[in-house]
């Protein structure tokens, strides 16, 4: 696969290239999990949240058994303010790998943001 600088990587380019490779070889060829994270995070850093979510969601579809991809998707969803979806993604990461403290920290952080304590109700 041709290497694109991180600033030029998009899900569409990666998918097009792997579709071409799949056709050439006669079976489905998918990019590695790390490659799609390598597409999603730079997009997220540049503020392209929708494109980042699309790349990281594709990664979660293709590598559904990976806790890391669900955590990464959760980070993009959280950055986009889609907190309930982020919470669900973090929970999935924990279900797949309950021994990673960072996943629990992410879930706790977004859970606090989803249901902040309303101090006006406690008066």
N, C-alpha and C. Protein backbone atom coordinates (compact mmCIF):
# COMPACT_ATOMS: atom_id res chain seq x y z
N UNK A 1 0.84 -1.17 0.00
CA UNK A 1 0.00 0.00 0.00
C UNK A 1 0.88 1.24 0.00
N UNK A 2 0.54 2.22 -0.79
CA UNK A 2 1.32 3.45 -0.73
C UNK A 2 1.12 4.12 0.62
N UNK A 3 2.18 4.68 1.15
CA UNK A 3 2.08 5.38 2.43
C UNK A 3 1.72 6.83 2.17
N UNK A 4 0.69 7.29 2.84
CA UNK A 4 0.28 8.68 2.76
C UNK A 4 0.76 9.38 4.02
N UNK A 5 1.19 10.63 3.89
CA UNK A 5 1.47 11.37 5.13
C UNK A 5 0.21 11.41 5.98
N UNK A 6 0.36 11.46 7.28
CA UNK A 6 -0.79 11.43 8.19
C UNK A 6 -1.81 12.51 7.84
N UNK A 7 -1.35 13.65 7.36
CA UNK A 7 -2.28 14.74 7.05
C UNK A 7 -3.10 14.45 5.80
N UNK A 8 -2.70 13.47 5.01
CA UNK A 8 -3.44 13.15 3.79
C UNK A 8 -4.22 11.84 3.89
N UNK A 9 -4.07 11.13 4.99
CA UNK A 9 -4.78 9.87 5.15
C UNK A 9 -6.24 10.14 5.44
N UNK A 10 -7.07 9.45 4.70
CA UNK A 10 -8.50 9.50 4.95
C UNK A 10 -9.03 8.09 4.88
N UNK A 11 -10.17 7.89 5.47
CA UNK A 11 -10.80 6.57 5.41
C UNK A 11 -11.07 6.19 3.96
N UNK A 12 -11.53 7.14 3.15
CA UNK A 12 -11.84 6.85 1.75
C UNK A 12 -10.60 6.36 1.00
N UNK A 13 -9.46 7.01 1.21
CA UNK A 13 -8.22 6.59 0.53
C UNK A 13 -7.80 5.20 0.97
N UNK A 14 -7.86 4.96 2.26
CA UNK A 14 -7.46 3.65 2.77
C UNK A 14 -8.40 2.57 2.25
N UNK A 15 -9.71 2.83 2.33
CA UNK A 15 -10.68 1.84 1.84
C UNK A 15 -10.51 1.58 0.34
N UNK A 16 -10.30 2.63 -0.44
CA UNK A 16 -10.13 2.46 -1.89
C UNK A 16 -8.90 1.62 -2.18
N UNK A 17 -7.82 1.88 -1.47
CA UNK A 17 -6.61 1.12 -1.70
C UNK A 17 -6.78 -0.35 -1.33
N UNK A 18 -7.43 -0.60 -0.22
CA UNK A 18 -7.62 -1.99 0.20
C UNK A 18 -8.67 -2.71 -0.65
N UNK A 19 -9.62 -1.99 -1.19
CA UNK A 19 -10.58 -2.59 -2.12
C UNK A 19 -9.84 -3.03 -3.39
N UNK A 20 -8.93 -2.18 -3.84
CA UNK A 20 -8.12 -2.52 -5.03
C UNK A 20 -7.27 -3.75 -4.74
N UNK A 21 -6.64 -3.79 -3.58
CA UNK A 21 -5.82 -4.95 -3.22
C UNK A 21 -6.68 -6.21 -3.10
N UNK A 22 -7.85 -6.07 -2.52
CA UNK A 22 -8.75 -7.22 -2.38
C UNK A 22 -9.12 -7.77 -3.74
N UNK A 23 -9.43 -6.88 -4.67
CA UNK A 23 -9.78 -7.33 -6.02
C UNK A 23 -8.58 -7.99 -6.70
N UNK A 24 -7.43 -7.39 -6.52
CA UNK A 24 -6.21 -7.93 -7.13
C UNK A 24 -5.89 -9.33 -6.61
N UNK A 25 -6.06 -9.55 -5.30
CA UNK A 25 -5.70 -10.84 -4.71
C UNK A 25 -6.85 -11.83 -4.70
N UNK A 26 -8.07 -11.37 -4.91
CA UNK A 26 -9.21 -12.27 -4.97
C UNK A 26 -9.80 -12.62 -3.60
N UNK A 27 -9.42 -11.91 -2.58
CA UNK A 27 -10.00 -12.09 -1.24
C UNK A 27 -9.90 -10.76 -0.51
N UNK A 28 -10.71 -10.63 0.55
CA UNK A 28 -10.73 -9.36 1.27
C UNK A 28 -9.42 -9.12 2.01
N UNK A 29 -8.87 -7.97 1.78
CA UNK A 29 -7.67 -7.52 2.48
C UNK A 29 -8.07 -6.26 3.26
N UNK A 30 -7.82 -6.29 4.55
CA UNK A 30 -8.17 -5.15 5.40
C UNK A 30 -6.91 -4.51 5.97
N UNK A 31 -6.96 -3.21 6.19
CA UNK A 31 -5.84 -2.57 6.87
C UNK A 31 -5.77 -3.06 8.30
N UNK A 32 -4.60 -2.99 8.87
CA UNK A 32 -4.46 -3.38 10.28
C UNK A 32 -5.16 -2.37 11.17
N UNK A 33 -5.53 -2.83 12.31
CA UNK A 33 -6.21 -2.00 13.31
C UNK A 33 -5.44 -0.71 13.59
N UNK A 34 -4.13 -0.80 13.75
CA UNK A 34 -3.32 0.38 14.05
C UNK A 34 -3.35 1.40 12.92
N UNK A 35 -3.48 0.94 11.68
CA UNK A 35 -3.51 1.87 10.56
C UNK A 35 -4.76 2.76 10.64
N UNK A 36 -5.90 2.14 10.92
CA UNK A 36 -7.12 2.95 10.99
C UNK A 36 -7.11 3.88 12.20
N UNK A 37 -6.52 3.45 13.30
CA UNK A 37 -6.34 4.39 14.41
C UNK A 37 -5.42 5.52 13.96
N UNK A 38 -4.44 5.19 13.15
CA UNK A 38 -3.52 6.19 12.61
C UNK A 38 -4.18 7.13 11.62
N UNK A 39 -5.33 6.77 11.11
CA UNK A 39 -6.13 7.67 10.29
C UNK A 39 -7.02 8.51 11.20
N UNK A 40 -7.66 7.87 12.17
CA UNK A 40 -8.64 8.55 13.01
C UNK A 40 -8.08 9.61 13.92
N UNK A 41 -6.99 9.30 14.61
CA UNK A 41 -6.47 10.26 15.59
C UNK A 41 -5.97 11.57 14.96
N UNK A 42 -5.23 11.54 13.86
CA UNK A 42 -4.83 12.82 13.25
C UNK A 42 -6.05 13.65 12.80
N UNK A 43 -7.07 12.98 12.30
CA UNK A 43 -8.28 13.70 11.93
C UNK A 43 -8.90 14.36 13.16
N UNK A 44 -8.94 13.63 14.24
CA UNK A 44 -9.48 14.16 15.49
C UNK A 44 -8.66 15.36 15.97
N UNK A 45 -7.35 15.25 15.89
CA UNK A 45 -6.47 16.34 16.31
C UNK A 45 -6.67 17.59 15.45
N UNK A 46 -7.05 17.41 14.19
CA UNK A 46 -7.30 18.55 13.30
C UNK A 46 -8.74 19.06 13.40
N UNK A 47 -9.50 18.50 14.32
CA UNK A 47 -10.87 18.97 14.51
C UNK A 47 -11.88 18.39 13.55
N UNK A 48 -11.48 17.41 12.78
CA UNK A 48 -12.39 16.77 11.82
C UNK A 48 -13.05 15.58 12.50
N UNK A 49 -13.92 15.90 13.45
CA UNK A 49 -14.50 14.87 14.31
C UNK A 49 -15.34 13.86 13.54
N UNK A 50 -16.15 14.32 12.61
CA UNK A 50 -16.99 13.39 11.85
C UNK A 50 -16.16 12.38 11.07
N UNK A 51 -15.11 12.86 10.42
CA UNK A 51 -14.23 11.96 9.66
C UNK A 51 -13.48 11.02 10.60
N UNK A 52 -13.08 11.53 11.74
CA UNK A 52 -12.38 10.69 12.72
C UNK A 52 -13.30 9.60 13.23
N UNK A 53 -14.53 9.97 13.55
CA UNK A 53 -15.51 8.98 14.03
C UNK A 53 -15.75 7.92 12.97
N UNK A 54 -15.87 8.32 11.72
CA UNK A 54 -16.11 7.35 10.64
C UNK A 54 -14.96 6.35 10.55
N UNK A 55 -13.73 6.83 10.61
CA UNK A 55 -12.57 5.93 10.53
C UNK A 55 -12.52 5.00 11.73
N UNK A 56 -12.73 5.55 12.92
CA UNK A 56 -12.64 4.73 14.12
C UNK A 56 -13.84 3.80 14.27
N UNK A 57 -15.00 4.21 13.75
CA UNK A 57 -16.16 3.31 13.76
C UNK A 57 -15.91 2.13 12.81
N UNK A 58 -15.32 2.41 11.64
CA UNK A 58 -14.98 1.32 10.71
C UNK A 58 -14.03 0.35 11.39
N UNK A 59 -13.07 0.88 12.11
CA UNK A 59 -12.12 0.03 12.83
C UNK A 59 -12.85 -0.85 13.84
N UNK A 60 -13.82 -0.27 14.55
CA UNK A 60 -14.60 -1.05 15.52
C UNK A 60 -15.46 -2.10 14.84
N UNK A 61 -15.92 -1.82 13.63
CA UNK A 61 -16.68 -2.83 12.88
C UNK A 61 -15.77 -3.98 12.44
N UNK A 62 -14.62 -3.63 11.90
CA UNK A 62 -13.71 -4.65 11.40
C UNK A 62 -13.00 -5.42 12.51
N UNK A 63 -12.74 -4.78 13.61
CA UNK A 63 -12.00 -5.41 14.71
C UNK A 63 -12.83 -5.35 15.99
N UNK A 64 -14.03 -5.86 15.91
CA UNK A 64 -15.00 -5.76 17.00
C UNK A 64 -14.50 -6.42 18.30
N UNK A 65 -13.59 -7.34 18.21
CA UNK A 65 -13.07 -8.03 19.38
C UNK A 65 -11.91 -7.30 20.05
N UNK A 66 -11.56 -6.14 19.54
CA UNK A 66 -10.44 -5.38 20.10
C UNK A 66 -10.95 -4.31 21.06
N UNK A 67 -10.53 -4.39 22.29
CA UNK A 67 -10.91 -3.37 23.27
C UNK A 67 -10.36 -2.01 22.87
N UNK A 68 -9.16 -1.99 22.33
CA UNK A 68 -8.51 -0.74 21.97
C UNK A 68 -9.32 0.07 20.96
N UNK A 69 -9.89 -0.59 19.96
CA UNK A 69 -10.64 0.17 18.95
C UNK A 69 -11.90 0.78 19.54
N UNK A 70 -12.52 0.11 20.48
CA UNK A 70 -13.73 0.66 21.11
C UNK A 70 -13.36 1.85 22.01
N UNK A 71 -12.22 1.77 22.68
CA UNK A 71 -11.76 2.89 23.48
C UNK A 71 -11.43 4.09 22.58
N UNK A 72 -10.76 3.84 21.47
CA UNK A 72 -10.43 4.92 20.54
C UNK A 72 -11.69 5.58 19.98
N UNK A 73 -12.66 4.77 19.59
CA UNK A 73 -13.92 5.31 19.11
C UNK A 73 -14.59 6.14 20.20
N UNK A 74 -14.54 5.65 21.43
CA UNK A 74 -15.10 6.39 22.55
C UNK A 74 -14.47 7.77 22.69
N UNK A 75 -13.16 7.86 22.50
CA UNK A 75 -12.49 9.15 22.61
C UNK A 75 -12.99 10.12 21.54
N UNK A 76 -13.16 9.64 20.32
CA UNK A 76 -13.65 10.52 19.25
C UNK A 76 -15.09 10.94 19.51
N UNK A 77 -15.91 10.01 19.94
CA UNK A 77 -17.31 10.33 20.25
C UNK A 77 -17.39 11.34 21.39
N UNK A 78 -16.57 11.15 22.40
CA UNK A 78 -16.55 12.08 23.52
C UNK A 78 -16.13 13.47 23.06
N UNK A 79 -15.11 13.54 22.23
CA UNK A 79 -14.64 14.84 21.72
C UNK A 79 -15.73 15.54 20.91
N UNK A 80 -16.59 14.76 20.28
CA UNK A 80 -17.68 15.32 19.48
C UNK A 80 -18.91 15.63 20.33
N UNK A 81 -18.83 15.37 21.62
CA UNK A 81 -19.96 15.65 22.50
C UNK A 81 -21.04 14.59 22.46
N UNK A 82 -20.76 13.47 21.86
CA UNK A 82 -21.71 12.37 21.77
C UNK A 82 -21.46 11.44 22.95
N UNK A 83 -21.81 11.94 24.11
CA UNK A 83 -21.37 11.34 25.37
C UNK A 83 -21.99 9.98 25.64
N UNK A 84 -23.24 9.79 25.36
CA UNK A 84 -23.86 8.48 25.62
C UNK A 84 -23.25 7.41 24.71
N UNK A 85 -23.01 7.76 23.46
CA UNK A 85 -22.35 6.81 22.54
C UNK A 85 -20.93 6.52 23.02
N UNK A 86 -20.24 7.55 23.50
CA UNK A 86 -18.89 7.36 24.01
C UNK A 86 -18.91 6.43 25.22
N UNK A 87 -19.88 6.65 26.11
CA UNK A 87 -20.01 5.80 27.29
C UNK A 87 -20.19 4.34 26.88
N UNK A 88 -21.02 4.10 25.89
CA UNK A 88 -21.26 2.74 25.42
C UNK A 88 -19.99 2.13 24.82
N UNK A 89 -19.25 2.93 24.09
CA UNK A 89 -18.02 2.44 23.48
C UNK A 89 -16.97 2.10 24.53
N UNK A 90 -16.84 2.97 25.54
CA UNK A 90 -15.91 2.68 26.63
C UNK A 90 -16.34 1.43 27.40
N UNK A 91 -17.64 1.27 27.62
CA UNK A 91 -18.14 0.09 28.33
C UNK A 91 -17.81 -1.18 27.54
N UNK A 92 -17.91 -1.10 26.23
CA UNK A 92 -17.57 -2.26 25.38
C UNK A 92 -16.08 -2.58 25.52
N UNK A 93 -15.24 -1.54 25.56
CA UNK A 93 -13.80 -1.76 25.72
C UNK A 93 -13.52 -2.49 27.03
N UNK A 94 -14.19 -2.07 28.09
CA UNK A 94 -13.99 -2.70 29.40
C UNK A 94 -14.49 -4.14 29.39
N UNK A 95 -15.61 -4.38 28.73
CA UNK A 95 -16.14 -5.75 28.65
C UNK A 95 -15.13 -6.67 27.96
N UNK A 96 -14.42 -6.13 26.98
CA UNK A 96 -13.45 -6.94 26.24
C UNK A 96 -12.11 -7.07 26.97
N UNK A 97 -11.76 -6.07 27.76
CA UNK A 97 -10.49 -6.08 28.48
C UNK A 97 -10.65 -5.35 29.81
N UNK A 98 -11.20 -6.02 30.82
CA UNK A 98 -11.49 -5.35 32.09
C UNK A 98 -10.25 -5.00 32.92
N UNK A 99 -9.08 -5.43 32.51
CA UNK A 99 -7.87 -5.20 33.31
C UNK A 99 -7.11 -3.93 32.93
N UNK A 100 -7.63 -3.15 32.01
CA UNK A 100 -6.94 -1.92 31.59
C UNK A 100 -7.52 -0.72 32.34
N UNK A 101 -6.81 -0.18 33.31
CA UNK A 101 -7.34 0.92 34.12
C UNK A 101 -7.72 2.15 33.30
N UNK A 102 -7.01 2.41 32.21
CA UNK A 102 -7.33 3.60 31.40
C UNK A 102 -8.74 3.52 30.86
N UNK A 103 -9.19 2.33 30.48
CA UNK A 103 -10.55 2.18 29.95
C UNK A 103 -11.57 2.56 31.03
N UNK A 104 -11.33 2.11 32.25
CA UNK A 104 -12.24 2.43 33.36
C UNK A 104 -12.23 3.93 33.64
N UNK A 105 -11.06 4.53 33.59
CA UNK A 105 -10.96 5.98 33.80
C UNK A 105 -11.75 6.75 32.75
N UNK A 106 -11.65 6.31 31.50
CA UNK A 106 -12.39 6.97 30.42
C UNK A 106 -13.89 6.85 30.64
N UNK A 107 -14.32 5.66 31.03
CA UNK A 107 -15.75 5.44 31.27
C UNK A 107 -16.23 6.31 32.42
N UNK A 108 -15.47 6.36 33.48
CA UNK A 108 -15.88 7.18 34.64
C UNK A 108 -15.94 8.66 34.27
N UNK A 109 -14.98 9.12 33.50
CA UNK A 109 -14.96 10.53 33.09
C UNK A 109 -16.20 10.89 32.28
N UNK A 110 -16.50 10.07 31.29
CA UNK A 110 -17.64 10.41 30.44
C UNK A 110 -18.96 10.19 31.17
N UNK A 111 -19.00 9.24 32.09
CA UNK A 111 -20.22 9.03 32.88
C UNK A 111 -20.51 10.26 33.73
N UNK A 112 -19.47 10.85 34.31
CA UNK A 112 -19.67 12.09 35.08
C UNK A 112 -20.19 13.21 34.18
N UNK A 113 -19.76 13.23 32.93
CA UNK A 113 -20.21 14.27 32.01
C UNK A 113 -21.63 14.02 31.53
N UNK A 114 -22.03 12.76 31.43
CA UNK A 114 -23.39 12.42 30.97
C UNK A 114 -24.41 12.80 32.03
N UNK A 115 -24.09 12.53 33.28
CA UNK A 115 -25.03 12.77 34.37
C UNK A 115 -24.41 13.65 35.43
N UNK A 116 -24.14 14.92 35.10
CA UNK A 116 -23.56 15.78 36.12
C UNK A 116 -24.55 16.01 37.25
N UNK A 117 -24.02 16.20 38.43
CA UNK A 117 -24.87 16.43 39.60
C UNK A 117 -25.47 17.83 39.47
N UNK A 118 -26.77 17.91 39.56
CA UNK A 118 -27.47 19.19 39.52
C UNK A 118 -27.63 19.68 40.96
N UNK A 119 -26.79 20.62 41.36
CA UNK A 119 -26.78 21.10 42.74
C UNK A 119 -28.05 21.86 43.10
N UNK A 120 -28.75 22.38 42.10
CA UNK A 120 -29.97 23.12 42.39
C UNK A 120 -31.08 22.20 42.89
N UNK A 121 -31.00 20.92 42.55
CA UNK A 121 -32.01 19.96 43.00
C UNK A 121 -31.78 19.51 44.43
N UNK A 122 -30.58 19.68 44.94
CA UNK A 122 -30.29 19.18 46.30
C UNK A 122 -30.61 20.19 47.38
N UNK A 123 -31.16 21.30 47.02
CA UNK A 123 -31.50 22.34 48.02
C UNK A 123 -32.81 22.11 48.65
